[in-house]
Amino acid sequence: MTKAELVDALSEEAELSKRQVGELVDMFLDTIAGALRKGDKVQLIPFGSFVVRDRKKREGRNPKTGEKLMIPARRVPAFTPGKGLRTEVAAGKKGGAKKR
């Protein structure tokens, strides 16, 4: 599913314009990115958690030449699925969001 498909699905479900939903999705993603930038953990129970992990500097190789090189330390975002998401995926449930 693409961002545009998500906006379409949410706008139909919530009976809002695609523009309004698009702005909400952008704000939601910006808020998560901002929290991760600060080093905070974002928990969306039962969906999952977004965290920042620190990777140590390590030795790697150039695949073309085989030359050794150092890969610098860096911070990377990571997602850990929650129990609810894991259960739904394992059960093969369709849909995603629950109808009200």
N, C-alpha and C. Protein backbone atom coordinates (compact mmCIF):
# COMPACT_ATOMS: atom_id res chain seq x y z
N MET A 1 0.85 -1.17 0.00
CA MET A 1 0.00 0.00 0.00
C MET A 1 0.89 1.24 0.00
N THR A 2 0.58 2.17 -0.88
CA THR A 2 1.33 3.41 -0.94
C THR A 2 0.68 4.46 -0.05
N LYS A 3 1.38 5.57 0.13
CA LYS A 3 0.82 6.66 0.93
C LYS A 3 -0.48 7.17 0.30
N ALA A 4 -0.52 7.29 -1.01
CA ALA A 4 -1.72 7.76 -1.70
C ALA A 4 -2.89 6.79 -1.49
N GLU A 5 -2.61 5.49 -1.54
CA GLU A 5 -3.65 4.49 -1.31
C GLU A 5 -4.16 4.56 0.14
N LEU A 6 -3.24 4.81 1.08
CA LEU A 6 -3.62 4.96 2.47
C LEU A 6 -4.54 6.17 2.65
N VAL A 7 -4.16 7.28 2.03
CA VAL A 7 -4.98 8.50 2.11
C VAL A 7 -6.36 8.25 1.51
N ASP A 8 -6.42 7.59 0.38
CA ASP A 8 -7.71 7.27 -0.25
C ASP A 8 -8.58 6.42 0.68
N ALA A 9 -8.01 5.37 1.26
CA ALA A 9 -8.76 4.48 2.13
C ALA A 9 -9.26 5.21 3.38
N LEU A 10 -8.38 6.02 3.98
CA LEU A 10 -8.78 6.74 5.18
C LEU A 10 -9.82 7.82 4.90
N SER A 11 -9.71 8.47 3.75
CA SER A 11 -10.68 9.53 3.42
C SER A 11 -12.07 8.93 3.21
N GLU A 12 -12.15 7.74 2.62
CA GLU A 12 -13.44 7.07 2.46
C GLU A 12 -14.00 6.63 3.82
N GLU A 13 -13.13 6.06 4.64
CA GLU A 13 -13.55 5.55 5.95
C GLU A 13 -14.01 6.68 6.88
N ALA A 14 -13.27 7.79 6.90
CA ALA A 14 -13.57 8.88 7.82
C ALA A 14 -14.50 9.93 7.22
N GLU A 15 -14.81 9.79 5.94
CA GLU A 15 -15.66 10.76 5.23
C GLU A 15 -15.08 12.17 5.32
N LEU A 16 -13.77 12.25 5.08
CA LEU A 16 -13.05 13.52 5.02
C LEU A 16 -12.46 13.65 3.63
N SER A 17 -12.06 14.88 3.27
CA SER A 17 -11.45 15.07 1.96
C SER A 17 -10.06 14.44 1.94
N LYS A 18 -9.61 14.09 0.74
CA LYS A 18 -8.28 13.50 0.60
C LYS A 18 -7.22 14.50 1.04
N ARG A 19 -7.47 15.78 0.82
CA ARG A 19 -6.51 16.81 1.23
C ARG A 19 -6.37 16.84 2.75
N GLN A 20 -7.49 16.80 3.45
CA GLN A 20 -7.46 16.81 4.91
C GLN A 20 -6.73 15.58 5.45
N VAL A 21 -7.06 14.43 4.92
CA VAL A 21 -6.43 13.20 5.37
C VAL A 21 -4.94 13.21 5.03
N GLY A 22 -4.59 13.72 3.84
CA GLY A 22 -3.19 13.81 3.45
C GLY A 22 -2.39 14.67 4.42
N GLU A 23 -2.97 15.79 4.85
CA GLU A 23 -2.31 16.67 5.81
C GLU A 23 -2.15 15.98 7.16
N LEU A 24 -3.18 15.23 7.58
CA LEU A 24 -3.10 14.50 8.84
C LEU A 24 -2.02 13.42 8.79
N VAL A 25 -1.95 12.69 7.69
CA VAL A 25 -0.93 11.64 7.54
C VAL A 25 0.46 12.27 7.57
N ASP A 26 0.63 13.40 6.87
CA ASP A 26 1.93 14.09 6.88
C ASP A 26 2.30 14.54 8.29
N MET A 27 1.34 15.10 9.03
CA MET A 27 1.60 15.54 10.41
C MET A 27 1.96 14.36 11.29
N PHE A 28 1.26 13.23 11.11
CA PHE A 28 1.52 12.03 11.87
C PHE A 28 2.95 11.55 11.63
N LEU A 29 3.35 11.46 10.38
CA LEU A 29 4.69 11.00 10.04
C LEU A 29 5.77 11.97 10.50
N ASP A 30 5.51 13.27 10.37
CA ASP A 30 6.46 14.29 10.84
C ASP A 30 6.65 14.21 12.35
N THR A 31 5.56 13.96 13.07
CA THR A 31 5.63 13.86 14.53
C THR A 31 6.47 12.65 14.94
N ILE A 32 6.28 11.53 14.27
CA ILE A 32 7.07 10.33 14.57
C ILE A 32 8.55 10.60 14.25
N ALA A 33 8.82 11.20 13.09
CA ALA A 33 10.21 11.48 12.70
C ALA A 33 10.86 12.44 13.69
N GLY A 34 10.11 13.45 14.14
CA GLY A 34 10.66 14.41 15.11
C GLY A 34 11.00 13.74 16.43
N ALA A 35 10.13 12.87 16.90
CA ALA A 35 10.39 12.15 18.16
C ALA A 35 11.63 11.27 18.02
N LEU A 36 11.76 10.58 16.89
CA LEU A 36 12.93 9.72 16.68
C LEU A 36 14.21 10.55 16.57
N ARG A 37 14.11 11.72 15.93
CA ARG A 37 15.26 12.61 15.83
C ARG A 37 15.78 12.99 17.21
N LYS A 38 14.85 13.19 18.15
CA LYS A 38 15.23 13.54 19.53
C LYS A 38 15.70 12.32 20.33
N GLY A 39 15.55 11.13 19.77
CA GLY A 39 15.96 9.92 20.46
C GLY A 39 14.86 9.26 21.27
N ASP A 40 13.62 9.77 21.13
CA ASP A 40 12.49 9.18 21.85
C ASP A 40 12.01 7.90 21.17
N LYS A 41 11.33 7.07 21.94
CA LYS A 41 10.70 5.87 21.43
C LYS A 41 9.23 6.19 21.18
N VAL A 42 8.68 5.73 20.07
CA VAL A 42 7.27 5.96 19.75
C VAL A 42 6.55 4.62 19.82
N GLN A 43 5.61 4.50 20.76
CA GLN A 43 4.87 3.26 20.95
C GLN A 43 3.43 3.46 20.50
N LEU A 44 2.99 2.63 19.58
CA LEU A 44 1.61 2.65 19.10
C LEU A 44 1.01 1.28 19.40
N ILE A 45 0.56 1.13 20.63
CA ILE A 45 0.03 -0.15 21.10
C ILE A 45 -1.34 -0.37 20.50
N PRO A 46 -1.66 -1.49 19.91
CA PRO A 46 -0.93 -2.75 19.78
C PRO A 46 -0.18 -2.88 18.45
N PHE A 47 -0.02 -1.76 17.70
CA PHE A 47 0.59 -1.81 16.38
C PHE A 47 2.08 -2.12 16.44
N GLY A 48 2.84 -1.33 17.21
CA GLY A 48 4.28 -1.56 17.30
C GLY A 48 5.01 -0.35 17.82
N SER A 49 6.33 -0.41 17.81
CA SER A 49 7.18 0.65 18.34
C SER A 49 8.25 1.04 17.33
N PHE A 50 8.49 2.35 17.26
CA PHE A 50 9.59 2.88 16.47
C PHE A 50 10.67 3.33 17.45
N VAL A 51 11.91 2.94 17.19
CA VAL A 51 13.03 3.30 18.05
C VAL A 51 14.22 3.69 17.18
N VAL A 52 15.21 4.33 17.82
CA VAL A 52 16.47 4.63 17.13
C VAL A 52 17.52 3.71 17.71
N ARG A 53 18.24 3.03 16.84
CA ARG A 53 19.30 2.13 17.28
C ARG A 53 20.64 2.68 16.82
N ASP A 54 21.64 2.51 17.68
CA ASP A 54 23.00 2.95 17.35
C ASP A 54 23.77 1.77 16.79
N ARG A 55 24.34 1.98 15.62
CA ARG A 55 25.20 0.95 15.02
C ARG A 55 26.65 1.37 15.23
N LYS A 56 27.46 0.42 15.66
CA LYS A 56 28.88 0.69 15.88
C LYS A 56 29.62 0.78 14.55
N LYS A 57 30.76 1.42 14.59
CA LYS A 57 31.60 1.45 13.40
C LYS A 57 32.11 0.03 13.17
N ARG A 58 32.21 -0.35 11.90
CA ARG A 58 32.62 -1.72 11.59
C ARG A 58 33.38 -1.76 10.28
N GLU A 59 34.03 -2.88 10.07
CA GLU A 59 34.80 -3.06 8.85
C GLU A 59 33.91 -3.71 7.79
N GLY A 60 33.98 -3.20 6.58
CA GLY A 60 33.23 -3.77 5.47
C GLY A 60 34.14 -3.95 4.27
N ARG A 61 33.56 -4.37 3.17
CA ARG A 61 34.33 -4.56 1.94
C ARG A 61 33.58 -3.96 0.77
N ASN A 62 34.33 -3.40 -0.16
CA ASN A 62 33.76 -2.92 -1.41
C ASN A 62 33.46 -4.16 -2.25
N PRO A 63 32.20 -4.39 -2.63
CA PRO A 63 31.88 -5.62 -3.35
C PRO A 63 32.54 -5.72 -4.73
N LYS A 64 32.86 -4.59 -5.35
CA LYS A 64 33.49 -4.64 -6.68
C LYS A 64 34.97 -4.99 -6.59
N THR A 65 35.67 -4.34 -5.65
CA THR A 65 37.12 -4.50 -5.59
C THR A 65 37.60 -5.43 -4.49
N GLY A 66 36.73 -5.67 -3.50
CA GLY A 66 37.14 -6.49 -2.36
C GLY A 66 37.96 -5.71 -1.36
N GLU A 67 38.17 -4.42 -1.61
CA GLU A 67 38.96 -3.57 -0.73
C GLU A 67 38.26 -3.38 0.61
N LYS A 68 39.06 -3.46 1.70
CA LYS A 68 38.50 -3.26 3.04
C LYS A 68 38.26 -1.76 3.26
N LEU A 69 37.17 -1.46 3.98
CA LEU A 69 36.89 -0.07 4.33
C LEU A 69 36.15 -0.03 5.66
N MET A 70 36.19 1.13 6.31
CA MET A 70 35.50 1.29 7.59
C MET A 70 34.14 1.92 7.35
N ILE A 71 33.11 1.30 7.88
CA ILE A 71 31.76 1.84 7.82
C ILE A 71 31.56 2.60 9.12
N PRO A 72 31.28 3.91 9.03
CA PRO A 72 31.18 4.71 10.25
C PRO A 72 29.97 4.34 11.12
N ALA A 73 30.06 4.70 12.40
CA ALA A 73 28.94 4.50 13.32
C ALA A 73 27.81 5.40 12.87
N ARG A 74 26.58 4.96 13.11
CA ARG A 74 25.43 5.78 12.73
C ARG A 74 24.21 5.37 13.53
N ARG A 75 23.21 6.21 13.47
CA ARG A 75 21.94 5.96 14.14
C ARG A 75 20.92 5.60 13.06
N VAL A 76 20.15 4.55 13.29
CA VAL A 76 19.16 4.11 12.31
C VAL A 76 17.81 3.90 12.97
N PRO A 77 16.72 4.25 12.26
CA PRO A 77 15.39 3.98 12.80
C PRO A 77 15.07 2.50 12.65
N ALA A 78 14.29 1.98 13.61
CA ALA A 78 13.89 0.57 13.56
C ALA A 78 12.44 0.47 14.02
N PHE A 79 11.75 -0.54 13.52
CA PHE A 79 10.37 -0.80 13.89
C PHE A 79 10.26 -2.19 14.46
N THR A 80 9.57 -2.31 15.59
CA THR A 80 9.30 -3.61 16.19
C THR A 80 7.79 -3.78 16.23
N PRO A 81 7.25 -4.77 15.54
CA PRO A 81 5.80 -4.95 15.54
C PRO A 81 5.28 -5.34 16.92
N GLY A 82 4.09 -4.86 17.25
CA GLY A 82 3.45 -5.20 18.51
C GLY A 82 2.73 -6.53 18.41
N LYS A 83 2.27 -7.01 19.55
CA LYS A 83 1.61 -8.30 19.60
C LYS A 83 0.34 -8.31 18.73
N GLY A 84 -0.42 -7.23 18.76
CA GLY A 84 -1.66 -7.16 17.98
C GLY A 84 -1.40 -7.28 16.48
N LEU A 85 -0.38 -6.59 16.00
CA LEU A 85 -0.03 -6.65 14.58
C LEU A 85 0.49 -8.03 14.21
N ARG A 86 1.35 -8.58 15.04
CA ARG A 86 1.89 -9.93 14.77
C ARG A 86 0.77 -10.96 14.71
N THR A 87 -0.19 -10.85 15.63
CA THR A 87 -1.31 -11.78 15.67
C THR A 87 -2.17 -11.67 14.42
N GLU A 88 -2.47 -10.43 14.00
CA GLU A 88 -3.29 -10.23 12.80
C GLU A 88 -2.60 -10.76 11.55
N VAL A 89 -1.32 -10.49 11.42
CA VAL A 89 -0.58 -10.95 10.24
C VAL A 89 -0.51 -12.48 10.23
N ALA A 90 -0.24 -13.08 11.37
CA ALA A 90 -0.14 -14.53 11.46
C ALA A 90 -1.48 -15.20 11.15
N ALA A 91 -2.58 -14.56 11.56
CA ALA A 91 -3.91 -15.13 11.33
C ALA A 91 -4.39 -14.86 9.91
N GLY A 92 -3.71 -13.96 9.21
CA GLY A 92 -4.09 -13.66 7.84
C GLY A 92 -5.36 -12.83 7.74
N LYS A 93 -5.65 -12.05 8.78
CA LYS A 93 -6.85 -11.21 8.75
C LYS A 93 -6.73 -10.15 7.68
N LYS A 94 -7.84 -9.87 7.04
CA LYS A 94 -7.87 -8.83 6.00
C LYS A 94 -8.43 -7.55 6.59
N GLY A 95 -8.13 -6.44 5.95
CA GLY A 95 -8.74 -5.18 6.34
C GLY A 95 -7.79 -4.27 7.05
N GLY A 96 -7.44 -4.57 8.26
CA GLY A 96 -6.56 -3.70 9.03
C GLY A 96 -7.33 -2.97 10.10
N ALA A 97 -7.81 -1.78 9.78
CA ALA A 97 -8.55 -0.98 10.77
C ALA A 97 -9.90 -1.60 11.07
N LYS A 98 -10.27 -1.55 12.33
CA LYS A 98 -11.56 -2.10 12.73
C LYS A 98 -12.66 -1.12 12.41
N LYS A 99 -13.78 -1.63 11.96
CA LYS A 99 -14.96 -0.80 11.67
C LYS A 99 -15.64 -0.44 12.97
N ARG A 100 -16.13 0.80 13.02
CA ARG A 100 -16.83 1.25 14.23
C ARG A 100 -18.29 1.09 14.11
